[in-house]
Amino acid sequence: MECLIGIKGKDFVLVASDNMAAHSIIAIKHDAQKQFELSDKMVMAVSGDAGDMTNYAEYIQKNLKLYEMVQGYKLSPNAAANFSRKVLAKALRSSPYMVNLLLAGVDDNGEPSLYFMDYLASMAKENYAAHGYGSFFILSTMDRYYKEDMTKDEALELLKKCIKEVQSRFIVNLNAFSVK
């Protein structure tokens, strides 16, 4: 029942996620953390099994930090996305992570990136993306209103439209979202 949303603008990326942790039809908590900061310019929004979500996100966070400490510089969003995808692909054959994610960031040149990944380790660089059942409503809204040269205010308005659409049409009430 989870919902992740990402919108790339000309010099920024917005990522939103619902705050509900659920198991089947039971809401477990309404303040779940689904966004993980990978660096000061990079964030990863993750949905899926609660244990896998936390385990995978923390593994990626810690390994990117370790890389920075050993090598002396931070990975770009592109490199971090490829590393994250490699971890998913390696685990696929033994103990797969049942997670879907959006990885967003801005590189040192100010170029924004948004990567869409699923639990089968497929990856695509997108201008906008969504995961979860809400994506059926979100993607049609994005198709209609998204523009490549959006300002932050326009992107926030589009994000609000997407969230409103999910909240009005979706049978499950996802009443709280976090945005970074």
Protein backbone atom coordinates (compact mmCIF):
# COMPACT_ATOMS: atom_id res chain seq x y z
CA MET A 1 0.00 0.00 0.00
CA GLU A 2 3.08 2.20 -0.04
CA CYS A 3 3.71 5.20 -2.23
CA LEU A 4 6.97 6.84 -3.35
CA ILE A 5 7.07 9.89 -5.63
CA GLY A 6 10.02 11.60 -7.33
CA ILE A 7 10.13 14.74 -9.50
CA LYS A 8 13.28 16.10 -11.17
CA GLY A 9 13.49 19.82 -11.93
CA LYS A 10 16.17 21.86 -13.67
CA ASP A 11 18.42 22.10 -10.60
CA PHE A 12 16.70 20.02 -7.90
CA VAL A 13 14.91 16.74 -7.19
CA LEU A 14 11.89 16.31 -4.90
CA VAL A 15 11.20 12.95 -3.27
CA ALA A 16 8.09 12.15 -1.25
CA SER A 17 7.00 9.00 0.57
CA ASP A 18 3.99 8.06 2.63
CA ASN A 19 4.54 7.53 6.36
CA MET A 20 2.47 4.38 6.86
CA ALA A 21 3.98 1.03 7.73
CA ALA A 22 1.51 -1.74 6.97
CA HIS A 23 1.39 -5.51 6.90
CA SER A 24 -1.30 -6.88 4.62
CA ILE A 25 -4.39 -4.87 5.56
CA ILE A 26 -3.16 -3.81 9.01
CA ALA A 27 -1.63 -0.36 9.61
CA ILE A 28 1.26 -0.91 11.99
CA LYS A 29 2.45 2.68 12.41
CA HIS A 30 1.84 6.07 10.86
CA ASP A 31 5.31 7.61 11.26
CA ALA A 32 7.53 5.16 9.38
CA GLN A 33 10.80 6.47 7.97
CA LYS A 34 11.09 5.55 4.30
CA GLN A 35 13.63 8.17 3.25
CA PHE A 36 17.30 7.75 3.98
CA GLU A 37 19.93 10.45 3.48
CA LEU A 38 22.92 9.07 1.64
CA SER A 39 24.82 12.37 1.64
CA ASP A 40 24.08 16.08 1.94
CA LYS A 41 22.94 16.08 -1.74
CA MET A 42 21.47 12.59 -2.08
CA VAL A 43 18.43 10.81 -0.66
CA MET A 44 16.92 7.37 -1.17
CA ALA A 45 13.21 6.61 -0.69
CA VAL A 46 12.53 2.91 -0.12
CA SER A 47 9.36 0.84 0.04
CA GLY A 48 8.83 -2.85 0.67
CA ASP A 49 9.15 -5.34 3.47
CA ALA A 50 9.99 -3.47 6.69
CA GLY A 51 13.00 -5.62 7.59
CA ASP A 52 14.43 -5.61 4.08
CA MET A 53 13.79 -1.89 3.73
CA THR A 54 15.76 -0.97 6.84
CA ASN A 55 18.49 -3.56 6.26
CA TYR A 56 19.04 -2.58 2.62
CA ALA A 57 18.90 1.20 3.18
CA GLU A 58 21.31 1.09 6.11
CA TYR A 59 23.68 -1.19 4.16
CA ILE A 60 23.76 1.30 1.27
CA GLN A 61 24.15 4.28 3.66
CA LYS A 62 27.04 2.71 5.55
CA ASN A 63 28.86 1.49 2.44
CA LEU A 64 28.66 4.89 0.75
CA LYS A 65 30.03 6.49 3.93
CA LEU A 66 32.80 3.87 4.08
CA TYR A 67 33.68 4.56 0.44
CA GLU A 68 33.91 8.27 1.21
CA MET A 69 36.20 7.63 4.21
CA VAL A 70 38.51 5.26 2.32
CA GLN A 71 38.66 7.10 -1.03
CA GLY A 72 38.38 10.66 0.27
CA TYR A 73 35.43 11.74 -1.89
CA LYS A 74 31.70 11.10 -2.18
CA LEU A 75 30.11 9.08 -4.95
CA SER A 76 27.98 10.91 -7.51
CA PRO A 77 24.26 10.08 -7.67
CA ASN A 78 24.95 8.03 -10.81
CA ALA A 79 27.67 5.98 -9.11
CA ALA A 80 25.56 5.53 -5.96
CA ALA A 81 22.61 4.35 -8.07
CA ASN A 82 24.78 1.83 -9.90
CA PHE A 83 26.21 0.57 -6.60
CA SER A 84 22.68 0.26 -5.14
CA ARG A 85 21.53 -1.63 -8.22
CA LYS A 86 24.55 -3.96 -8.02
CA VAL A 87 23.71 -4.81 -4.39
CA LEU A 88 20.11 -5.64 -5.39
CA ALA A 89 21.30 -7.75 -8.35
CA LYS A 90 23.83 -9.71 -6.27
CA ALA A 91 21.26 -10.47 -3.59
CA LEU A 92 18.67 -11.53 -6.17
CA ARG A 93 20.10 -15.04 -6.53
CA SER A 94 20.53 -15.83 -2.84
CA SER A 95 18.52 -13.74 -0.42
CA PRO A 96 16.71 -11.01 -2.37
CA TYR A 97 15.78 -7.68 -0.87
CA MET A 98 12.06 -7.11 -1.44
CA VAL A 99 12.43 -3.36 -1.88
CA ASN A 100 11.59 -0.77 -4.51
CA LEU A 101 13.35 2.56 -4.41
CA LEU A 102 13.90 6.01 -5.81
CA LEU A 103 17.39 7.46 -5.53
CA ALA A 104 17.65 11.21 -6.03
CA GLY A 105 20.54 13.60 -5.89
CA VAL A 106 22.42 16.53 -7.34
CA ASP A 107 26.01 16.02 -8.48
CA ASP A 108 28.94 18.43 -7.99
CA ASN A 109 28.09 20.19 -11.27
CA GLY A 110 24.56 20.96 -10.04
CA GLU A 111 22.97 18.37 -12.35
CA PRO A 112 19.95 16.63 -10.73
CA SER A 113 19.29 12.89 -11.15
CA LEU A 114 16.38 10.62 -10.29
CA TYR A 115 16.77 6.82 -10.50
CA PHE A 116 13.92 4.32 -10.37
CA MET A 117 14.80 0.79 -9.16
CA ASP A 118 12.67 -2.23 -8.37
CA TYR A 119 13.25 -5.41 -6.39
CA LEU A 120 14.45 -7.23 -9.55
CA ALA A 121 17.35 -4.75 -9.83
CA SER A 122 16.09 -2.99 -12.93
CA MET A 123 17.13 0.66 -13.01
CA ALA A 124 16.09 3.64 -15.11
CA LYS A 125 17.02 7.31 -14.99
CA GLU A 126 13.75 9.28 -15.08
CA ASN A 127 12.38 12.82 -14.97
CA TYR A 128 9.60 11.65 -12.67
CA ALA A 129 8.79 8.32 -11.06
CA ALA A 130 6.50 6.60 -8.60
CA HIS A 131 6.31 3.25 -6.81
CA GLY A 132 3.39 1.50 -5.18
CA TYR A 133 -0.31 1.23 -5.89
CA GLY A 134 -0.58 5.01 -5.88
CA SER A 135 1.66 5.13 -8.94
CA PHE A 136 -1.33 4.27 -11.14
CA PHE A 137 -2.84 7.66 -10.30
CA ILE A 138 0.42 9.56 -9.93
CA LEU A 139 1.93 8.68 -13.29
CA SER A 140 -1.14 9.83 -15.23
CA THR A 141 -1.05 13.14 -13.32
CA MET A 142 2.68 13.50 -14.01
CA ASP A 143 2.18 12.71 -17.71
CA ARG A 144 -0.28 15.55 -17.95
CA TYR A 145 1.37 18.29 -15.86
CA TYR A 146 5.14 17.62 -15.78
CA LYS A 147 7.47 20.05 -17.60
CA GLU A 148 11.25 19.61 -17.77
CA ASP A 149 12.04 23.21 -16.78
CA MET A 150 9.81 23.31 -13.68
CA THR A 151 10.67 25.57 -10.78
CA LYS A 152 10.62 24.24 -7.22
CA ASP A 153 7.27 25.91 -6.58
CA GLU A 154 5.74 24.34 -9.70
CA ALA A 155 7.14 20.94 -8.74
CA LEU A 156 5.71 21.28 -5.22
CA GLU A 157 2.30 22.14 -6.70
CA LEU A 158 2.52 19.07 -8.95
CA LEU A 159 3.52 16.95 -5.95
CA LYS A 160 0.50 18.27 -4.04
CA LYS A 161 -1.76 17.36 -7.00
CA CYS A 162 -0.33 13.83 -7.02
CA ILE A 163 -0.80 13.37 -3.28
CA LYS A 164 -4.34 14.78 -3.46
CA GLU A 165 -5.14 12.35 -6.29
CA VAL A 166 -3.84 9.39 -4.28
CA GLN A 167 -5.72 10.46 -1.17
CA SER A 168 -9.00 11.02 -3.01
CA ARG A 169 -8.97 7.89 -5.19
CA PHE A 170 -7.07 5.29 -3.21
CA ILE A 171 -9.16 3.08 -0.94
CA VAL A 172 -6.44 3.05 1.74
CA ASN A 173 -5.95 6.37 3.53
CA LEU A 174 -2.34 7.52 3.15
CA ASN A 175 -2.83 10.70 5.12
CA ALA A 176 0.79 11.74 5.76
CA PHE A 177 3.74 12.17 3.41
CA SER A 178 7.36 13.25 3.97
CA VAL A 179 9.10 15.40 1.36
CA LYS A 180 12.85 16.01 0.92
